[in-house]
Amino acid sequence: MPGALDREKLFAARLHAARARPYLATALFALHTVESQRVFTMAVDRHWRCYVSPDFVDRTPVEELAGVWVHEVSHLLREHHDRSDRVAREHGLDSARDRLRMNIAADCEINDDIYGEGLAFPEDAVTPWSLGVEPDLLMEEYLRRFQLGRRTDDFTWLDCGSGADGRERPWDLGPDGADGLSPQERDGVRFRVAQGITGRPGNAPKSWQRWAEEVFHPPQPWRELLGAAVRSAASAPGAGEDYSYGRPSRRSAGVPGVVLPSLRRRPPRVAVIIDTSGSVSDAELGGALLEVAAISRAVGGRRDLVSVLSCDAAAGFARTLCEAEGITLTGGGGTDLRAGFARALGARQPPDVVVALTDGQTPWPEHPPPCRTVVGLFARPLRRGRYDEENPEYESYGPPAWARVVEIG
């Protein structure tokens, strides 16, 4: 007959974990333990229950149990269950093998920096090094770097529960079971942990510091926001509209002998101004060209109606997107996008929408352009400040009030 769960030993291990990782204490003590003979070691569900095998507790030293506590609560804090569900939806990966691979990838994200300094390193822990991939990546990045095979044969037993890969288990008590945390309570725990990390960042690894920053400032889905901003600008009243005699107005019947033009909507023309000043990196310029293709899709895929021009302190020539492969981005000097706006708006066929991709360190036109404007800002840490202590002449330009602004990257 199986023995009862040694809760004294289990909770001593949790106390050891809280002392070793004090910034995780709130989360560790928020977990509710459930004795289970159906789990191999310890496993969590998305409702912050921790299912524990009595045999595993009996055979595992307190120091290693402490590491398992930290490992399991890390799955929940980093929301690996929701992230795995999102990957499964986007890529059609929902088999048991796929979920095992997600569990392994999630373990790699956690195990590459949580052990040591008071937490014993288990011999059978999954690490990036055991899979032959580089460390310090996210679960989604690890998934792209390995498949199940010879290197993962030793981890087929792995099961951290639905809290790690999103797949419900037979032993899960579900949302209506006892002692689960509500979504609001889970968010409260994450917020308290993030507060502890940001309050004393020197005590936490860089990965946890990045996680805490994202809890306070969640990343925007900037590509979707940029596309939505362009579509909104292109579909606004007045954008892409002109009078045409191709189809006479119905009001002509009220004016005998006179043919009146009708107001027709045509596909909008979009001008993309890319900041090529010296403060913009090559990686950002490459990303800007990728965004140009996304912008063309946002306005219906008419690449011939999207023109691109590079601008630092002077504007280059505009080229249509149908020649995107041959577009050369020139510049590298100072920044003054006013020249780019002047050239774009002075074209023979002026645009209905102007999109500026820039780091924001530029003077802007004094008056709003006569068309809709979207500004895509590359991330810049100095943007939130008003000065740079290392450069007394630094002047921070804020984005113009007349533009729709989306922070990208």
Protein backbone atom coordinates (compact mmCIF):
# COMPACT_ATOMS: atom_id res chain seq x y z
CA MET A 1 0.00 0.00 0.00
CA PRO A 2 1.44 3.38 -0.99
CA GLY A 3 2.65 5.58 1.84
CA ALA A 4 1.11 8.91 2.76
CA LEU A 5 2.61 12.15 1.56
CA ASP A 6 5.35 13.45 3.85
CA ARG A 7 4.09 17.02 3.98
CA GLU A 8 6.62 18.08 6.59
CA LYS A 9 9.49 17.20 4.26
CA LEU A 10 7.68 18.71 1.27
CA PHE A 11 7.03 22.01 3.05
CA ALA A 12 10.57 22.10 4.45
CA ALA A 13 11.74 21.92 0.83
CA ARG A 14 9.41 24.80 -0.10
CA LEU A 15 10.84 26.90 2.74
CA HIS A 16 14.34 26.07 1.49
CA ALA A 17 13.29 27.20 -2.01
CA ALA A 18 11.87 30.48 -0.65
CA ARG A 19 15.12 31.19 1.18
CA ALA A 20 17.19 30.42 -1.91
CA ARG A 21 14.91 32.45 -4.23
CA PRO A 22 13.16 35.01 -2.01
CA TYR A 23 11.71 36.90 -4.98
CA LEU A 24 9.60 33.77 -5.77
CA ALA A 25 8.28 33.30 -2.22
CA THR A 26 4.84 34.77 -2.94
CA ALA A 27 4.33 32.33 -5.81
CA LEU A 28 5.72 29.33 -3.92
CA PHE A 29 3.31 29.82 -1.04
CA ALA A 30 0.38 30.48 -3.40
CA LEU A 31 0.59 26.91 -4.77
CA HIS A 32 -1.86 24.46 -3.22
CA THR A 33 -0.49 20.92 -2.93
CA VAL A 34 -2.58 17.88 -3.90
CA GLU A 35 -1.39 14.36 -3.07
CA SER A 36 -1.56 12.14 -6.17
CA GLN A 37 -0.41 8.62 -6.96
CA ARG A 38 -0.89 9.35 -10.69
CA VAL A 39 2.00 11.75 -11.15
CA PHE A 40 5.60 10.58 -11.45
CA THR A 41 7.23 13.49 -9.62
CA MET A 42 5.49 16.86 -9.21
CA ALA A 43 3.19 18.55 -11.70
CA VAL A 44 1.11 21.73 -11.84
CA ASP A 45 -2.13 22.76 -13.51
CA ARG A 46 -3.00 26.21 -14.80
CA HIS A 47 -5.10 26.88 -11.70
CA TRP A 48 -2.02 26.83 -9.44
CA ARG A 49 -2.43 23.39 -7.94
CA CYS A 50 0.69 21.29 -7.45
CA TYR A 51 0.15 17.50 -7.68
CA VAL A 52 2.78 15.60 -5.71
CA SER A 53 3.81 11.92 -5.72
CA PRO A 54 4.41 10.64 -2.14
CA ASP A 55 7.04 8.16 -3.43
CA PHE A 56 8.91 10.96 -5.17
CA VAL A 57 9.03 13.02 -1.96
CA ASP A 58 10.27 10.02 0.02
CA ARG A 59 13.19 9.27 -2.33
CA THR A 60 14.27 12.85 -3.09
CA PRO A 61 16.56 14.96 -0.83
CA VAL A 62 15.16 18.22 0.48
CA GLU A 63 17.69 20.26 -1.54
CA GLU A 64 16.51 18.69 -4.82
CA LEU A 65 12.85 19.02 -3.84
CA ALA A 66 13.45 22.73 -3.35
CA GLY A 67 14.65 22.96 -6.95
CA VAL A 68 11.54 21.12 -8.18
CA TRP A 69 9.34 23.60 -6.28
CA VAL A 70 11.06 26.50 -8.06
CA HIS A 71 10.90 24.71 -11.39
CA GLU A 72 7.17 23.99 -11.24
CA VAL A 73 6.14 27.46 -10.07
CA SER A 74 8.29 28.94 -12.86
CA HIS A 75 6.05 27.21 -15.44
CA LEU A 76 3.05 29.03 -14.00
CA LEU A 77 4.68 32.42 -13.59
CA ARG A 78 5.89 32.32 -17.19
CA GLU A 79 2.45 31.15 -18.38
CA HIS A 80 3.83 28.22 -20.35
CA HIS A 81 0.34 26.71 -20.54
CA ASP A 82 -1.13 29.70 -22.39
CA ARG A 83 1.95 30.06 -24.58
CA SER A 84 1.84 26.36 -25.51
CA ASP A 85 -1.85 26.65 -26.40
CA ARG A 86 -1.04 29.62 -28.62
CA VAL A 87 1.73 27.71 -30.41
CA ALA A 88 -0.61 24.73 -30.84
CA ARG A 89 -3.29 26.93 -32.44
CA GLU A 90 -0.92 28.78 -34.74
CA HIS A 91 1.00 25.73 -35.99
CA GLY A 92 -1.45 22.86 -35.57
CA LEU A 93 0.72 21.11 -32.96
CA ASP A 94 -1.68 19.37 -30.61
CA SER A 95 -0.62 15.73 -30.39
CA ALA A 96 0.83 14.19 -27.24
CA ARG A 97 4.28 14.23 -28.91
CA ASP A 98 3.91 17.92 -29.71
CA ARG A 99 2.94 18.74 -26.13
CA LEU A 100 5.91 16.73 -24.83
CA ARG A 101 8.19 18.79 -27.05
CA MET A 102 6.62 21.97 -25.65
CA ASN A 103 7.20 20.70 -22.10
CA ILE A 104 10.86 20.02 -22.93
CA ALA A 105 11.25 23.48 -24.50
CA ALA A 106 9.60 25.12 -21.49
CA ASP A 107 11.96 23.21 -19.17
CA CYS A 108 14.94 24.50 -21.16
CA GLU A 109 13.72 28.08 -20.72
CA ILE A 110 13.59 27.56 -16.95
CA ASN A 111 16.54 25.26 -16.28
CA ASP A 112 19.22 27.26 -18.07
CA ASP A 113 19.63 29.60 -15.08
CA ILE A 114 17.60 28.60 -11.98
CA TYR A 115 19.99 26.11 -10.35
CA GLY A 116 23.03 26.78 -8.20
CA GLU A 117 23.28 29.28 -5.34
CA GLY A 118 21.32 27.10 -2.91
CA LEU A 119 19.39 24.91 -5.37
CA ALA A 120 20.82 21.49 -6.23
CA PHE A 121 21.06 20.63 -9.91
CA PRO A 122 19.13 17.38 -10.64
CA GLU A 123 21.00 14.84 -12.75
CA ASP A 124 17.99 14.19 -15.01
CA ALA A 125 17.06 17.86 -15.62
CA VAL A 126 16.48 18.93 -19.21
CA THR A 127 18.90 21.66 -20.28
CA PRO A 128 19.71 23.40 -23.56
CA TRP A 129 23.15 21.81 -23.42
CA SER A 130 21.65 18.30 -23.26
CA LEU A 131 19.78 19.10 -26.50
CA GLY A 132 22.78 20.70 -28.19
CA VAL A 133 21.26 24.18 -28.46
CA GLU A 134 22.36 27.55 -27.12
CA PRO A 135 20.96 28.77 -23.76
CA ASP A 136 19.10 31.95 -22.77
CA LEU A 137 16.23 31.49 -25.24
CA LEU A 138 12.47 31.43 -24.83
CA MET A 139 10.31 28.34 -25.09
CA GLU A 140 9.11 29.31 -28.57
CA GLU A 141 12.72 29.70 -29.76
CA TYR A 142 13.79 26.36 -28.31
CA LEU A 143 10.89 24.68 -30.13
CA ARG A 144 12.35 25.75 -33.46
CA ARG A 145 15.75 24.32 -32.61
CA PHE A 146 15.08 20.67 -31.82
CA GLN A 147 12.81 17.74 -32.65
CA LEU A 148 12.06 14.60 -30.68
CA GLY A 149 14.75 12.03 -31.37
CA ARG A 150 17.91 10.51 -29.98
CA ARG A 151 18.76 13.50 -27.78
CA THR A 152 15.29 13.53 -26.18
CA ASP A 153 14.87 9.78 -25.61
CA ASP A 154 15.90 10.16 -21.96
CA PHE A 155 13.11 12.69 -21.35
CA THR A 156 10.05 10.78 -22.57
CA TRP A 157 9.01 10.35 -18.92
CA LEU A 158 8.80 14.10 -18.46
CA ASP A 159 5.43 15.42 -17.34
CA CYS A 160 5.19 18.77 -15.55
CA GLY A 161 1.42 18.81 -16.01
CA SER A 162 -1.04 21.00 -17.86
CA GLY A 163 0.51 24.07 -16.26
CA ALA A 164 3.59 23.46 -18.41
CA ASP A 165 2.19 22.48 -21.82
CA GLY A 166 -1.54 23.29 -21.68
CA ARG A 167 -2.80 19.72 -22.24
CA GLU A 168 -5.31 18.67 -19.59
CA ARG A 169 -4.39 15.60 -17.50
CA PRO A 170 -6.73 12.95 -16.06
CA TRP A 171 -5.79 13.98 -12.52
CA ASP A 172 -6.52 17.69 -13.02
CA LEU A 173 -9.27 19.02 -10.75
CA GLY A 174 -10.24 21.58 -13.39
CA PRO A 175 -11.50 25.15 -13.02
CA ASP A 176 -14.32 24.16 -10.65
CA GLY A 177 -12.17 22.02 -8.35
CA ALA A 178 -11.15 23.02 -4.86
CA ASP A 179 -8.32 25.38 -3.98
CA GLY A 180 -7.63 26.74 -7.46
CA LEU A 181 -6.73 30.39 -8.01
CA SER A 182 -8.98 32.64 -10.05
CA PRO A 183 -7.49 34.52 -13.04
CA GLN A 184 -7.44 37.69 -10.96
CA GLU A 185 -5.61 35.96 -8.11
CA ARG A 186 -3.05 34.50 -10.54
CA ASP A 187 -2.41 37.94 -11.99
CA GLY A 188 -2.01 39.31 -8.48
CA VAL A 189 0.64 36.71 -7.65
CA ARG A 190 2.59 37.49 -10.83
CA PHE A 191 2.42 41.20 -10.08
CA ARG A 192 3.72 40.71 -6.53
CA VAL A 193 6.59 38.54 -7.76
CA ALA A 194 7.45 41.09 -10.45
CA GLN A 195 7.45 43.82 -7.79
CA GLY A 196 9.92 41.82 -5.71
CA ILE A 197 12.23 41.31 -8.65
CA THR A 198 12.23 44.92 -9.85
CA GLY A 199 12.66 46.16 -6.27
CA ARG A 200 15.95 44.24 -5.86
CA PRO A 201 17.01 43.25 -9.38
CA GLY A 202 20.53 42.28 -8.35
CA ASN A 203 19.20 39.12 -6.70
CA ALA A 204 17.50 37.70 -9.81
CA PRO A 205 18.92 36.29 -13.08
CA LYS A 206 18.59 38.42 -16.21
CA SER A 207 15.80 36.19 -17.57
CA TRP A 208 13.68 36.87 -14.47
CA GLN A 209 14.42 40.58 -14.69
CA ARG A 210 13.21 40.59 -18.31
CA TRP A 211 10.12 38.66 -17.27
CA ALA A 212 9.33 41.19 -14.53
CA GLU A 213 9.69 44.08 -16.99
CA GLU A 214 7.18 42.42 -19.32
CA VAL A 215 4.71 41.93 -16.46
CA PHE A 216 4.73 45.68 -15.85
CA HIS A 217 5.06 46.63 -19.53
CA PRO A 218 3.63 43.79 -21.65
CA PRO A 219 4.97 43.84 -25.23
CA GLN A 220 2.56 45.15 -27.82
CA PRO A 221 1.63 43.04 -30.83
CA TRP A 222 3.23 45.79 -32.86
CA ARG A 223 2.91 44.19 -36.29
CA GLU A 224 -0.84 43.80 -35.86
CA LEU A 225 -1.08 47.33 -34.48
CA LEU A 226 0.90 48.76 -37.39
CA GLY A 227 -1.25 46.92 -39.93
CA ALA A 228 -4.44 48.03 -38.19
CA ALA A 229 -3.24 51.64 -38.10
CA VAL A 230 -2.48 51.60 -41.82
CA ARG A 231 -5.83 49.96 -42.67
CA SER A 232 -7.66 52.47 -40.50
CA ALA A 233 -5.89 55.39 -42.18
CA ALA A 234 -6.47 53.97 -45.66
CA SER A 235 -10.20 53.40 -45.07
CA ALA A 236 -10.85 56.76 -43.39
CA PRO A 237 -13.20 59.24 -45.10
CA GLY A 238 -11.35 61.11 -47.82
CA ALA A 239 -8.56 58.57 -48.23
CA GLY A 240 -8.49 57.09 -51.71
CA GLU A 241 -11.58 59.03 -52.79
CA ASP A 242 -11.90 61.12 -55.94
CA TYR A 243 -14.54 62.28 -58.40
CA SER A 244 -14.87 60.31 -61.60
CA TYR A 245 -16.88 60.68 -64.82
CA GLY A 246 -16.53 56.94 -65.41
CA ARG A 247 -19.89 56.53 -63.70
CA PRO A 248 -22.09 59.65 -63.65
CA SER A 249 -23.63 60.75 -60.42
CA ARG A 250 -27.26 59.83 -59.77
CA ARG A 251 -27.85 63.51 -59.11
CA SER A 252 -27.34 64.21 -62.85
CA ALA A 253 -31.00 63.32 -63.35
CA GLY A 254 -31.94 66.46 -61.41
CA VAL A 255 -29.80 68.70 -63.67
CA PRO A 256 -30.90 68.06 -67.30
CA GLY A 257 -28.11 68.47 -69.84
CA VAL A 258 -25.36 68.31 -67.23
CA VAL A 259 -23.25 65.26 -66.43
CA LEU A 260 -22.05 65.29 -62.82
CA PRO A 261 -19.12 63.13 -61.65
CA SER A 262 -19.62 60.61 -58.85
CA LEU A 263 -17.40 60.18 -55.82
CA ARG A 264 -15.58 56.88 -56.21
CA ARG A 265 -13.20 55.05 -53.87
CA ARG A 266 -9.99 53.85 -55.47
CA PRO A 267 -7.23 51.78 -53.88
CA PRO A 268 -5.25 54.10 -51.59
CA ARG A 269 -1.69 55.15 -52.40
CA VAL A 270 0.78 54.72 -49.55
CA ALA A 271 4.18 56.39 -49.19
CA VAL A 272 6.62 54.79 -46.76
CA ILE A 273 9.45 56.98 -45.45
CA ILE A 274 12.31 54.96 -43.94
CA ASP A 275 14.68 56.75 -41.57
CA THR A 276 18.22 55.90 -42.76
CA SER A 277 20.11 58.22 -40.41
CA GLY A 278 23.21 57.07 -38.57
CA SER A 279 21.22 56.40 -35.38
CA VAL A 280 19.24 53.59 -37.05
CA SER A 281 20.93 50.18 -37.05
CA ASP A 282 21.27 47.82 -40.01
CA ALA A 283 19.00 45.33 -38.26
CA GLU A 284 16.29 47.98 -37.93
CA LEU A 285 16.64 48.91 -41.60
CA GLY A 286 16.24 45.26 -42.55
CA GLY A 287 13.19 45.04 -40.32
CA ALA A 288 11.79 48.19 -41.92
CA LEU A 289 11.85 46.57 -45.36
CA LEU A 290 9.97 43.60 -43.95
CA GLU A 291 7.36 45.97 -42.55
CA VAL A 292 6.93 47.51 -46.00
CA ALA A 293 5.70 44.14 -47.30
CA ALA A 294 3.29 43.90 -44.34
CA ILE A 295 2.04 47.42 -45.09
CA SER A 296 1.25 46.42 -48.68
CA ARG A 297 -0.82 43.49 -47.40
CA ALA A 298 -2.67 45.83 -45.02
CA VAL A 299 -3.94 47.90 -47.97
CA GLY A 300 -5.01 44.99 -50.13
CA GLY A 301 -1.75 43.76 -51.65
CA ARG A 302 -1.44 46.43 -54.38
CA ARG A 303 2.33 46.68 -54.28
CA ASP A 304 2.33 49.10 -57.21
CA LEU A 305 0.48 51.64 -55.05
CA VAL A 306 3.10 51.55 -52.28
CA SER A 307 6.19 53.71 -52.74
CA VAL A 308 9.30 53.67 -50.55
CA LEU A 309 11.86 56.42 -50.04
CA SER A 310 14.85 56.64 -47.73
CA CYS A 311 15.62 59.78 -45.78
CA ASP A 312 18.25 60.99 -43.34
CA ALA A 313 18.72 64.76 -43.56
CA ALA A 314 17.82 64.59 -47.26
CA ALA A 315 15.24 62.52 -49.10
CA GLY A 316 16.11 59.88 -51.67
CA PHE A 317 14.07 58.91 -54.70
CA ALA A 318 10.78 57.10 -54.18
CA ARG A 319 10.51 53.59 -55.63
CA THR A 320 7.39 51.49 -56.00
CA LEU A 321 7.18 48.33 -53.95
CA CYS A 322 6.96 46.12 -57.02
CA GLU A 323 10.70 46.76 -57.22
CA ALA A 324 11.25 46.04 -53.50
CA GLU A 325 14.06 43.59 -54.13
CA GLY A 326 16.07 46.36 -55.74
CA ILE A 327 15.36 49.13 -53.24
CA THR A 328 18.58 50.63 -51.94
CA LEU A 329 18.43 52.45 -48.62
CA THR A 330 20.90 55.32 -48.67
CA GLY A 331 21.81 57.67 -45.87
CA GLY A 332 23.78 57.45 -42.67
CA GLY A 333 23.93 61.14 -41.80
CA GLY A 334 21.76 63.33 -39.61
CA THR A 335 18.01 63.07 -39.29
CA ASP A 336 15.35 65.38 -40.70
CA LEU A 337 12.28 63.56 -41.97
CA ARG A 338 10.72 66.86 -43.02
CA ALA A 339 12.57 66.41 -46.31
CA GLY A 340 11.04 62.97 -46.73
CA PHE A 341 7.53 64.27 -46.07
CA ALA A 342 8.06 67.11 -48.54
CA ARG A 343 9.19 64.74 -51.30
CA ALA A 344 6.42 62.22 -50.63
CA LEU A 345 3.68 64.87 -50.58
CA GLY A 346 5.12 66.62 -53.64
CA ALA A 347 4.84 63.55 -55.86
CA ARG A 348 2.85 63.74 -59.10
CA GLN A 349 0.29 61.44 -57.48
CA PRO A 350 0.34 62.40 -53.78
CA PRO A 351 -0.27 59.59 -51.28
CA ASP A 352 -3.43 59.02 -49.30
CA VAL A 353 -1.42 57.63 -46.37
CA VAL A 354 2.14 58.35 -45.25
CA VAL A 355 3.93 55.82 -43.06
CA ALA A 356 7.21 56.91 -41.39
CA LEU A 357 9.47 54.19 -39.93
CA THR A 358 11.95 55.95 -37.65
CA ASP A 359 13.67 56.01 -34.27
CA GLY A 360 11.83 59.28 -33.61
CA GLN A 361 14.91 61.48 -33.22
CA THR A 362 13.90 63.92 -35.94
CA PRO A 363 12.14 67.25 -36.32
CA TRP A 364 8.64 66.84 -37.73
CA PRO A 365 6.69 69.01 -40.17
CA GLU A 366 5.26 72.04 -38.44
CA HIS A 367 1.81 71.47 -39.92
CA PRO A 368 0.08 68.11 -40.30
CA PRO A 369 0.20 66.62 -43.81
CA PRO A 370 -3.01 66.77 -45.86
CA CYS A 371 -3.36 63.00 -45.56
CA ARG A 372 -3.46 60.32 -42.88
CA THR A 373 -0.10 59.65 -41.20
CA VAL A 374 1.18 56.62 -39.28
CA VAL A 375 4.52 56.68 -37.43
CA GLY A 376 6.25 53.39 -36.61
CA LEU A 377 8.83 54.04 -33.86
CA PHE A 378 11.85 51.78 -33.40
CA ALA A 379 12.43 51.05 -29.72
CA ARG A 380 14.75 53.54 -28.05
CA PRO A 381 15.48 53.63 -24.28
CA LEU A 382 16.17 57.38 -24.40
CA ARG A 383 12.74 58.09 -25.83
CA ARG A 384 11.25 58.12 -22.35
CA GLY A 385 13.79 60.66 -21.10
CA ARG A 386 14.25 64.32 -21.89
CA TYR A 387 18.04 64.39 -22.03
CA ASP A 388 21.16 62.27 -22.34
CA GLU A 389 23.74 62.87 -19.61
CA GLU A 390 26.56 61.79 -21.95
CA ASN A 391 25.45 64.24 -24.64
CA PRO A 392 24.37 67.66 -23.27
CA GLU A 393 23.24 68.75 -26.75
CA TYR A 394 20.84 65.83 -27.06
CA GLU A 395 17.29 66.93 -27.82
CA SER A 396 14.46 64.43 -27.51
CA TYR A 397 11.79 64.81 -30.17
CA GLY A 398 8.40 63.40 -29.28
CA PRO A 399 6.16 61.92 -31.97
CA PRO A 400 3.77 64.44 -33.53
CA ALA A 401 0.28 64.75 -32.08
CA TRP A 402 -1.29 64.56 -35.54
CA ALA A 403 0.04 61.08 -36.33
CA ARG A 404 -1.07 57.61 -35.30
CA VAL A 405 1.96 56.19 -33.42
CA VAL A 406 2.88 52.50 -33.07
CA GLU A 407 6.05 51.35 -31.28
CA ILE A 408 7.67 48.52 -33.23
CA GLY A 409 10.36 45.98 -32.49
